[in-house]
Amino acid sequence: MKSLLYLRSLLLLLFCALLAGQAQATHIRAGEITARRIDPQSFTYEITLRGYADRGSSVIFGSNGTLDFGDGTSLVINNQGDDIPRFALTPDTWLYELKVVHTFPSARTYSVSFREFYRNDGTLNMDNPVQMPFYIETVIVIDPFLGINNTPQLLVPPVDKAAINKLYIHNPGAYDIDGDSLSYRLVVCRQDRTVPVANYRYPHQTFPPGDPRNGTSLDGGPPELTLDPLTGDLVWNTPGTAGQYNVAFFVEEWRKVQGEYYLLGYVTRDMQILVEDDPNNPPVLEVPEDICVVAGERIEEVIRAIDPDGDNIDLAAFSGVFNLGATYTGTTNMTSPAQATFTWQTDCSHIRDRPYQVVFRATDVRGGGVRLTDIKNLEHYRSGATTSGRKCAGGQQPLHRS
């Protein structure tokens, strides 16, 4: 009997150790869900789950997750390594991408969600993060009155890092192929549909008010975390303590029908910001002002970046206009000051009510330490008549870039 009890105790200890090891070997850095309607005659969508995970972890994204379609059906994911395609996005980040075709039973509103254990241990702006599930959701409104719809696509991956006392900027590069209006809103990170993570604080309020570990803004005032509701620029001015933080926001989608705007749903991005203590300074982008063009005109703009430390620069651009014939000459490891050209031959098929946004990103190239980024937006506005300078005439709308 003693031998049997000893064996049971040993097995229990091994099981607990295994669970503790899994809890510590966490991995999820960010994620979002997007949807594309693939059949106008039925309510069939291609659902895309994107997960960003730590390449240094032995835990695989999707190894214990559930994708819930919000209609009483769900997909239990048990990724063993090859079930979800992945590729190395950066030296320390995997991008996983799972595509699922799903037909909803009827026209109504659905909340498509993904939940998996666990978040990364050591996240500073929530309690007990290693026991907090990772949860994201996308709301899809299927309504014949509002027409066929696709969710916004988030084109800029959430991989940029931050440094103490340096301005941090992220923009998701949201693009809506239907031309719907987009807005942005900060939200609390969640562990389930209606349950926030334990004691969540926004990154600039991680520590008690007045605590110097929260840092200061560049002008010496209190730190700030802002999300521009129109452009999507997420700005942290500035981090005060090295570590990892989580932030989440909605990209909301609006459509004007018969003179009234209707909410078509939203995409949630929950992402980690890694802050390091590094003397590096981010590069500085120079982007032209927003412009208004007549359909048929050729846009050619020079994008410049300089690095204060003399580091080389990667210049990148993100936008849906690159599927409409636009080109960009930016590349990697360019000598500072760096220069690239954005070109777009517009035509009448590009006219739409909302401006087009292009997100430009400059990242310094270093032999060691944290690589920092500057992001700026450029918006192209369309016009059906002549324009005056860089401003649209009264009542005209721009082709949009940001």
Protein backbone atom coordinates (compact mmCIF):
# COMPACT_ATOMS: atom_id res chain seq x y z
CA MET A 1 0.00 0.00 0.00
CA LYS A 2 2.83 2.42 0.87
CA SER A 3 4.47 1.70 -2.50
CA LEU A 4 1.20 2.42 -4.30
CA LEU A 5 0.73 5.72 -2.44
CA TYR A 6 4.32 6.67 -3.18
CA LEU A 7 3.82 5.95 -6.87
CA ARG A 8 0.62 8.04 -6.97
CA SER A 9 2.35 10.93 -5.21
CA LEU A 10 5.27 10.75 -7.62
CA LEU A 11 2.94 10.78 -10.64
CA LEU A 12 1.05 13.75 -9.18
CA LEU A 13 4.28 15.67 -8.68
CA LEU A 14 5.39 14.91 -12.23
CA PHE A 15 2.02 16.04 -13.59
CA CYS A 16 2.18 19.31 -11.63
CA ALA A 17 5.74 19.89 -12.82
CA LEU A 18 4.62 19.35 -16.39
CA LEU A 19 1.81 21.90 -16.01
CA ALA A 20 4.18 24.38 -14.41
CA GLY A 21 6.63 23.92 -17.26
CA GLN A 22 3.91 24.52 -19.83
CA ALA A 23 2.76 27.60 -17.95
CA GLN A 24 6.26 29.06 -17.91
CA ALA A 25 6.99 28.22 -21.55
CA THR A 26 4.44 30.70 -22.81
CA HIS A 27 4.56 32.10 -26.29
CA ILE A 28 1.74 34.33 -27.57
CA ARG A 29 2.74 37.87 -28.48
CA ALA A 30 -0.20 39.11 -30.56
CA GLY A 31 -3.12 38.08 -32.69
CA GLU A 32 -6.16 39.10 -34.75
CA ILE A 33 -9.01 37.52 -36.73
CA THR A 34 -10.16 38.79 -40.13
CA ALA A 35 -12.91 37.61 -42.47
CA ARG A 36 -13.52 37.71 -46.23
CA ARG A 37 -16.87 36.84 -47.77
CA ILE A 38 -16.23 34.39 -50.60
CA ASP A 39 -19.78 33.63 -51.78
CA PRO A 40 -22.27 36.47 -52.42
CA GLN A 41 -25.13 33.96 -52.64
CA SER A 42 -24.55 32.42 -49.22
CA PHE A 43 -23.12 33.51 -45.87
CA THR A 44 -19.78 31.81 -46.51
CA TYR A 45 -16.59 33.46 -45.27
CA GLU A 46 -12.91 32.69 -45.20
CA ILE A 47 -11.87 33.26 -41.58
CA THR A 48 -8.17 34.00 -41.04
CA LEU A 49 -6.59 33.66 -37.61
CA ARG A 50 -3.15 35.22 -37.30
CA GLY A 51 -0.99 34.54 -34.28
CA TYR A 52 2.39 36.09 -33.49
CA ALA A 53 4.49 33.95 -31.20
CA ASP A 54 7.90 33.84 -29.53
CA ARG A 55 10.42 31.84 -31.57
CA GLY A 56 12.37 31.19 -28.38
CA SER A 57 9.51 29.23 -26.81
CA SER A 58 8.96 25.50 -27.17
CA VAL A 59 5.19 26.02 -27.01
CA ILE A 60 3.44 26.12 -30.39
CA PHE A 61 0.72 28.65 -31.18
CA GLY A 62 -2.66 26.92 -31.47
CA SER A 63 -1.59 23.94 -29.40
CA ASN A 64 -4.60 24.33 -27.07
CA GLY A 65 -6.83 26.96 -28.67
CA THR A 66 -10.49 27.17 -29.66
CA LEU A 67 -11.82 29.16 -32.61
CA ASP A 68 -15.48 29.91 -31.85
CA PHE A 69 -17.64 31.05 -34.79
CA GLY A 70 -20.33 32.57 -32.59
CA ASP A 71 -23.14 30.48 -34.09
CA GLY A 72 -22.98 27.53 -31.72
CA THR A 73 -20.10 25.86 -33.58
CA SER A 74 -16.39 25.95 -32.91
CA LEU A 75 -13.09 24.46 -34.01
CA VAL A 76 -10.82 22.99 -31.36
CA ILE A 77 -7.24 23.52 -32.49
CA ASN A 78 -4.56 21.10 -31.41
CA ASN A 79 -1.59 22.23 -33.44
CA GLN A 80 1.20 19.66 -33.20
CA GLY A 81 3.63 21.70 -35.27
CA ASP A 82 2.53 21.49 -38.90
CA ASP A 83 -1.23 22.01 -38.60
CA ILE A 84 -0.98 25.82 -38.83
CA PRO A 85 1.43 27.23 -41.42
CA ARG A 86 4.07 29.52 -39.95
CA PHE A 87 7.09 31.49 -41.07
CA ALA A 88 9.79 33.56 -39.38
CA LEU A 89 8.59 37.16 -39.44
CA THR A 90 11.59 38.49 -37.47
CA PRO A 91 14.54 36.77 -35.75
CA ASP A 92 12.39 36.38 -32.60
CA THR A 93 8.80 36.18 -33.91
CA TRP A 94 6.80 33.48 -35.71
CA LEU A 95 3.71 34.38 -37.73
CA TYR A 96 1.09 31.61 -37.71
CA GLU A 97 -1.80 31.84 -40.16
CA LEU A 98 -4.82 29.53 -40.08
CA LYS A 99 -7.51 29.88 -42.78
CA VAL A 100 -10.92 28.25 -42.31
CA VAL A 101 -13.97 28.41 -44.61
CA HIS A 102 -17.18 28.72 -42.61
CA THR A 103 -20.82 29.22 -43.59
CA PHE A 104 -23.02 31.05 -41.10
CA PRO A 105 -26.63 29.82 -40.83
CA SER A 106 -28.45 33.14 -41.23
CA ALA A 107 -28.15 36.91 -41.46
CA ARG A 108 -27.35 38.40 -38.04
CA THR A 109 -24.40 39.54 -35.94
CA TYR A 110 -21.68 37.01 -35.03
CA SER A 111 -18.75 37.27 -32.65
CA VAL A 112 -15.91 35.09 -33.95
CA SER A 113 -13.34 34.54 -31.21
CA PHE A 114 -10.12 32.71 -30.39
CA ARG A 115 -9.01 31.71 -26.89
CA GLU A 116 -5.84 29.93 -25.85
CA PHE A 117 -3.76 29.35 -22.70
CA TYR A 118 -1.56 31.25 -21.81
CA ARG A 119 -0.19 34.76 -22.11
CA ASN A 120 3.52 35.45 -21.73
CA ASP A 121 4.82 35.32 -18.19
CA GLY A 122 6.28 38.54 -16.83
CA THR A 123 3.87 40.95 -18.57
CA LEU A 124 3.93 43.98 -16.29
CA ASN A 125 0.52 45.61 -16.80
CA MET A 126 -1.69 42.73 -15.63
CA ASP A 127 -1.65 40.40 -12.65
CA ASN A 128 -0.58 36.77 -12.96
CA PRO A 129 -0.26 36.89 -16.76
CA VAL A 130 0.96 33.31 -17.04
CA GLN A 131 -2.51 32.19 -15.88
CA MET A 132 -4.41 34.62 -18.12
CA PRO A 133 -5.82 33.13 -21.37
CA PHE A 134 -5.23 35.03 -24.59
CA TYR A 135 -8.54 36.14 -26.12
CA ILE A 136 -9.40 38.05 -29.30
CA GLU A 137 -12.64 38.48 -31.20
CA THR A 138 -13.98 39.89 -34.45
CA VAL A 139 -17.59 40.94 -34.86
CA ILE A 140 -19.23 40.35 -38.24
CA VAL A 141 -22.59 41.90 -39.14
CA ILE A 142 -24.47 40.04 -41.89
CA ASP A 143 -27.36 42.25 -43.00
CA PRO A 144 -28.78 42.35 -46.56
CA PHE A 145 -29.76 45.99 -45.98
CA LEU A 146 -26.09 46.92 -45.47
CA GLY A 147 -24.77 44.80 -48.34
CA ILE A 148 -21.90 42.33 -48.68
CA ASN A 149 -18.98 43.11 -46.42
CA ASN A 150 -15.42 42.04 -45.63
CA THR A 151 -13.56 42.95 -42.44
CA PRO A 152 -10.57 45.30 -42.53
CA GLN A 153 -7.20 43.65 -43.12
CA LEU A 154 -4.34 44.64 -40.78
CA LEU A 155 -1.28 44.94 -43.00
CA VAL A 156 1.40 46.08 -40.53
CA PRO A 157 2.57 43.29 -38.20
CA PRO A 158 2.86 44.15 -34.46
CA VAL A 159 6.58 43.44 -34.11
CA ASP A 160 8.17 46.85 -33.48
CA LYS A 161 9.98 47.26 -30.17
CA ALA A 162 10.27 50.20 -27.79
CA ALA A 163 13.00 51.77 -25.67
CA ILE A 164 12.92 53.68 -22.40
CA ASN A 165 12.41 57.44 -22.87
CA LYS A 166 11.89 57.04 -26.64
CA LEU A 167 8.64 57.64 -28.49
CA TYR A 168 6.92 54.38 -29.53
CA ILE A 169 4.60 54.37 -32.57
CA HIS A 170 2.56 51.54 -34.07
CA ASN A 171 -0.04 51.65 -36.82
CA PRO A 172 -1.91 48.47 -37.86
CA GLY A 173 -2.14 49.60 -41.48
CA ALA A 174 -5.83 48.71 -41.65
CA TYR A 175 -7.22 48.49 -45.18
CA ASP A 176 -10.84 47.97 -46.12
CA ILE A 177 -11.33 46.57 -49.63
CA ASP A 178 -14.96 47.76 -49.60
CA GLY A 179 -13.95 51.36 -48.98
CA ASP A 180 -15.80 51.56 -45.66
CA SER A 181 -14.85 54.10 -43.00
CA LEU A 182 -12.58 52.92 -40.19
CA SER A 183 -12.17 54.14 -36.63
CA TYR A 184 -9.90 53.00 -33.80
CA ARG A 185 -10.51 52.56 -30.07
CA LEU A 186 -8.36 51.33 -27.18
CA VAL A 187 -9.89 48.50 -25.13
CA VAL A 188 -8.92 46.38 -22.14
CA CYS A 189 -7.14 43.08 -22.83
CA ARG A 190 -9.46 40.15 -22.15
CA GLN A 191 -9.24 36.53 -21.07
CA ASP A 192 -12.77 35.69 -22.29
CA ARG A 193 -15.69 37.36 -24.06
CA THR A 194 -16.82 39.48 -21.11
CA VAL A 195 -13.91 38.93 -18.74
CA PRO A 196 -10.89 41.29 -18.66
CA VAL A 197 -7.48 39.99 -17.63
CA ALA A 198 -6.69 40.39 -13.94
CA ASN A 199 -6.09 43.99 -12.87
CA TYR A 200 -5.32 45.32 -16.34
CA ARG A 201 -3.63 48.72 -16.55
CA TYR A 202 -2.78 50.61 -19.70
CA PRO A 203 1.00 50.53 -20.22
CA HIS A 204 1.59 54.16 -19.21
CA GLN A 205 -0.33 53.50 -15.96
CA THR A 206 1.31 50.18 -15.06
CA PHE A 207 2.57 51.47 -11.72
CA PRO A 208 0.76 53.68 -9.16
CA PRO A 209 0.16 57.34 -10.13
CA GLY A 210 3.30 59.42 -9.75
CA ASP A 211 5.59 56.38 -9.68
CA PRO A 212 8.72 57.29 -11.71
CA ARG A 213 8.71 53.79 -13.21
CA ASN A 214 5.81 54.94 -15.42
CA GLY A 215 8.22 57.33 -17.14
CA THR A 216 7.58 60.80 -18.55
CA SER A 217 6.58 62.25 -21.88
CA LEU A 218 9.18 63.87 -24.11
CA ASP A 219 8.20 67.31 -22.80
CA GLY A 220 8.75 66.19 -19.20
CA GLY A 221 5.07 65.76 -18.33
CA PRO A 222 3.24 62.57 -17.36
CA PRO A 223 3.51 59.66 -19.83
CA GLU A 224 0.71 59.23 -22.37
CA LEU A 225 -0.74 56.40 -24.41
CA THR A 226 -2.97 57.56 -27.26
CA LEU A 227 -4.70 55.96 -30.23
CA ASP A 228 -5.74 58.33 -33.01
CA PRO A 229 -9.37 57.40 -33.78
CA LEU A 230 -9.00 58.33 -37.46
CA THR A 231 -5.46 57.34 -38.51
CA GLY A 232 -4.87 54.42 -36.13
CA ASP A 233 -1.55 55.77 -34.81
CA LEU A 234 -0.84 54.17 -31.41
CA VAL A 235 1.67 56.37 -29.58
CA TRP A 236 3.32 55.72 -26.21
CA ASN A 237 5.06 58.87 -24.99
CA THR A 238 7.26 57.41 -23.44
CA PRO A 239 7.97 54.07 -21.70
CA GLY A 240 9.70 54.34 -18.34
CA THR A 241 10.51 50.74 -17.41
CA ALA A 242 11.95 47.88 -19.44
CA GLY A 243 9.75 44.82 -19.78
CA GLN A 244 6.78 43.50 -21.71
CA TYR A 245 3.34 45.06 -21.87
CA ASN A 246 0.07 44.23 -23.59
CA VAL A 247 -2.36 46.56 -25.31
CA ALA A 248 -5.53 45.89 -27.31
CA PHE A 249 -7.69 47.97 -29.64
CA PHE A 250 -10.68 47.72 -31.96
CA VAL A 251 -10.58 48.60 -35.64
CA GLU A 252 -14.23 49.49 -36.21
CA GLU A 253 -15.88 49.51 -39.61
CA TRP A 254 -18.66 51.89 -40.68
CA ARG A 255 -20.83 52.12 -43.80
CA LYS A 256 -23.01 54.99 -44.90
CA VAL A 257 -26.41 53.81 -46.16
CA GLN A 258 -29.17 56.24 -47.06
CA GLY A 259 -27.37 59.07 -45.30
CA GLU A 260 -26.80 57.22 -42.02
CA TYR A 261 -23.67 55.45 -40.74
CA TYR A 262 -24.00 51.85 -39.52
CA LEU A 263 -21.41 49.87 -37.54
CA LEU A 264 -20.44 46.75 -39.53
CA GLY A 265 -18.37 45.19 -36.74
CA TYR A 266 -14.78 45.34 -35.64
CA VAL A 267 -11.45 43.50 -35.57
CA THR A 268 -9.52 43.23 -32.29
CA ARG A 269 -5.74 43.31 -32.23
CA ASP A 270 -4.19 42.30 -28.91
CA MET A 271 -0.44 42.85 -29.01
CA GLN A 272 2.64 42.86 -26.86
CA ILE A 273 5.07 45.79 -26.67
CA LEU A 274 8.61 44.86 -25.65
CA VAL A 275 10.48 47.73 -23.99
CA GLU A 276 14.25 47.64 -23.61
CA ASP A 277 16.79 49.91 -21.94
CA ASP A 278 18.94 50.97 -24.89
CA PRO A 279 20.62 54.28 -25.87
CA ASN A 280 19.60 53.78 -29.51
CA ASN A 281 17.59 56.55 -31.17
CA PRO A 282 14.87 55.78 -33.73
CA PRO A 283 15.17 56.95 -37.34
CA VAL A 284 13.13 59.95 -38.47
CA LEU A 285 10.82 59.73 -41.49
CA GLU A 286 10.02 62.60 -43.83
CA VAL A 287 6.71 62.02 -45.62
CA PRO A 288 4.89 64.57 -47.83
CA GLU A 289 1.59 66.06 -46.75
CA ASP A 290 -1.68 64.34 -47.60
CA ILE A 291 -2.63 64.98 -51.20
CA CYS A 292 -5.72 65.26 -53.36
CA VAL A 293 -5.48 64.04 -56.94
CA VAL A 294 -7.73 63.80 -59.96
CA ALA A 295 -8.40 60.23 -61.11
CA GLY A 296 -5.99 59.51 -63.94
CA GLU A 297 -3.14 61.53 -62.45
CA ARG A 298 0.18 59.90 -61.62
CA ILE A 299 1.38 60.17 -58.03
CA GLU A 300 5.12 60.18 -57.43
CA GLU A 301 6.37 61.07 -53.97
CA VAL A 302 9.81 60.81 -52.38
CA ILE A 303 9.99 59.29 -48.88
CA ARG A 304 13.10 60.09 -46.84
CA ALA A 305 14.53 58.84 -43.54
CA ILE A 306 17.59 59.70 -41.51
CA ASP A 307 19.00 57.91 -38.46
CA PRO A 308 20.47 60.15 -35.70
CA ASP A 309 23.03 57.45 -34.83
CA GLY A 310 24.08 56.89 -38.44
CA ASP A 311 22.61 53.37 -38.56
CA ASN A 312 21.45 51.89 -41.83
CA ILE A 313 17.68 51.86 -42.39
CA ASP A 314 15.00 49.47 -43.62
CA LEU A 315 12.28 51.39 -45.48
CA ALA A 316 8.92 49.65 -45.90
CA ALA A 317 5.39 50.63 -46.96
CA PHE A 318 2.01 48.99 -46.30
CA SER A 319 -1.26 49.66 -48.08
CA GLY A 320 -4.00 48.11 -50.15
CA VAL A 321 -3.04 50.43 -53.01
CA PHE A 322 -0.18 48.07 -53.85
CA ASN A 323 -2.90 45.72 -55.13
CA LEU A 324 -4.10 48.58 -57.34
CA GLY A 325 -0.85 49.16 -59.23
CA ALA A 326 1.12 51.34 -56.79
CA THR A 327 4.86 50.69 -56.38
CA TYR A 328 7.50 51.53 -53.79
CA THR A 329 11.29 51.42 -54.14
CA GLY A 330 12.11 51.10 -50.43
CA THR A 331 14.30 48.18 -49.43
CA THR A 332 16.41 46.88 -46.56
CA ASN A 333 19.76 47.99 -45.11
CA MET A 334 19.84 51.35 -46.87
CA THR A 335 22.53 53.87 -45.95
CA SER A 336 21.31 56.84 -43.88
CA PRO A 337 19.99 59.22 -45.11
CA ALA A 338 17.77 56.83 -47.05
CA GLN A 339 15.34 57.62 -49.84
CA ALA A 340 12.56 55.75 -51.64
CA THR A 341 9.88 56.63 -54.18
CA PHE A 342 6.17 55.88 -53.96
CA THR A 343 4.44 55.81 -57.36
CA TRP A 344 0.81 55.24 -58.33
CA GLN A 345 -0.84 55.71 -61.70
CA THR A 346 -4.45 56.30 -60.70
CA ASP A 347 -7.52 55.78 -62.87
CA CYS A 348 -11.30 56.16 -62.60
CA SER A 349 -11.72 52.72 -61.02
CA HIS A 350 -9.86 54.00 -57.94
CA ILE A 351 -12.45 56.67 -57.11
CA ARG A 352 -14.19 56.06 -53.78
CA ASP A 353 -15.70 58.07 -50.93
CA ARG A 354 -12.96 57.33 -48.41
CA PRO A 355 -9.28 58.26 -48.74
CA TYR A 356 -6.56 55.65 -49.27
CA GLN A 357 -3.95 55.26 -46.56
CA VAL A 358 -0.31 54.25 -46.98
CA VAL A 359 1.77 53.50 -43.88
CA PHE A 360 5.51 54.09 -44.21
CA ARG A 361 7.90 52.51 -41.72
CA ALA A 362 11.61 53.17 -41.13
CA THR A 363 13.53 50.75 -38.89
CA ASP A 364 17.19 51.13 -38.02
CA VAL A 365 19.63 48.28 -38.66
CA ARG A 366 21.99 47.54 -35.78
CA GLY A 367 24.54 44.90 -34.96
CA GLY A 368 23.07 44.51 -31.47
CA GLY A 369 20.51 45.96 -29.11
CA VAL A 370 16.97 47.00 -29.85
CA ARG A 371 15.96 48.12 -33.35
CA LEU A 372 13.65 51.14 -33.25
CA THR A 373 11.04 52.35 -35.71
CA ASP A 374 9.38 55.51 -36.95
CA ILE A 375 5.98 55.33 -38.66
CA LYS A 376 4.15 58.00 -40.62
CA ASN A 377 0.95 58.00 -42.65
CA LEU A 378 0.12 59.48 -46.00
CA GLU A 379 -3.43 59.81 -47.29
CA HIS A 380 -4.50 60.08 -50.93
CA TYR A 381 -7.79 61.76 -51.67
CA ARG A 382 -9.70 61.44 -54.90
CA SER A 383 -11.32 64.20 -56.87
CA GLY A 384 -13.42 64.25 -60.00
CA ALA A 385 -12.27 67.76 -60.91
CA THR A 386 -9.09 69.83 -60.85
CA THR A 387 -7.40 70.47 -57.51
CA SER A 388 -5.61 73.46 -56.12
CA GLY A 389 -2.21 72.67 -54.63
CA ARG A 390 -2.45 69.90 -52.05
CA LYS A 391 -5.97 70.72 -50.90
CA CYS A 392 -9.16 69.43 -52.44
CA ALA A 393 -11.61 71.98 -53.73
CA GLY A 394 -14.79 72.45 -51.71
CA GLY A 395 -16.80 69.25 -51.43
CA GLN A 396 -14.14 67.09 -53.09
CA GLN A 397 -12.62 64.08 -51.40
CA PRO A 398 -8.99 62.93 -51.33
CA LEU A 399 -7.49 59.46 -53.02
CA HIS A 400 -5.95 58.90 -49.33
CA ARG A 401 -2.60 57.89 -48.07
CA SER A 402 -1.25 57.64 -44.55
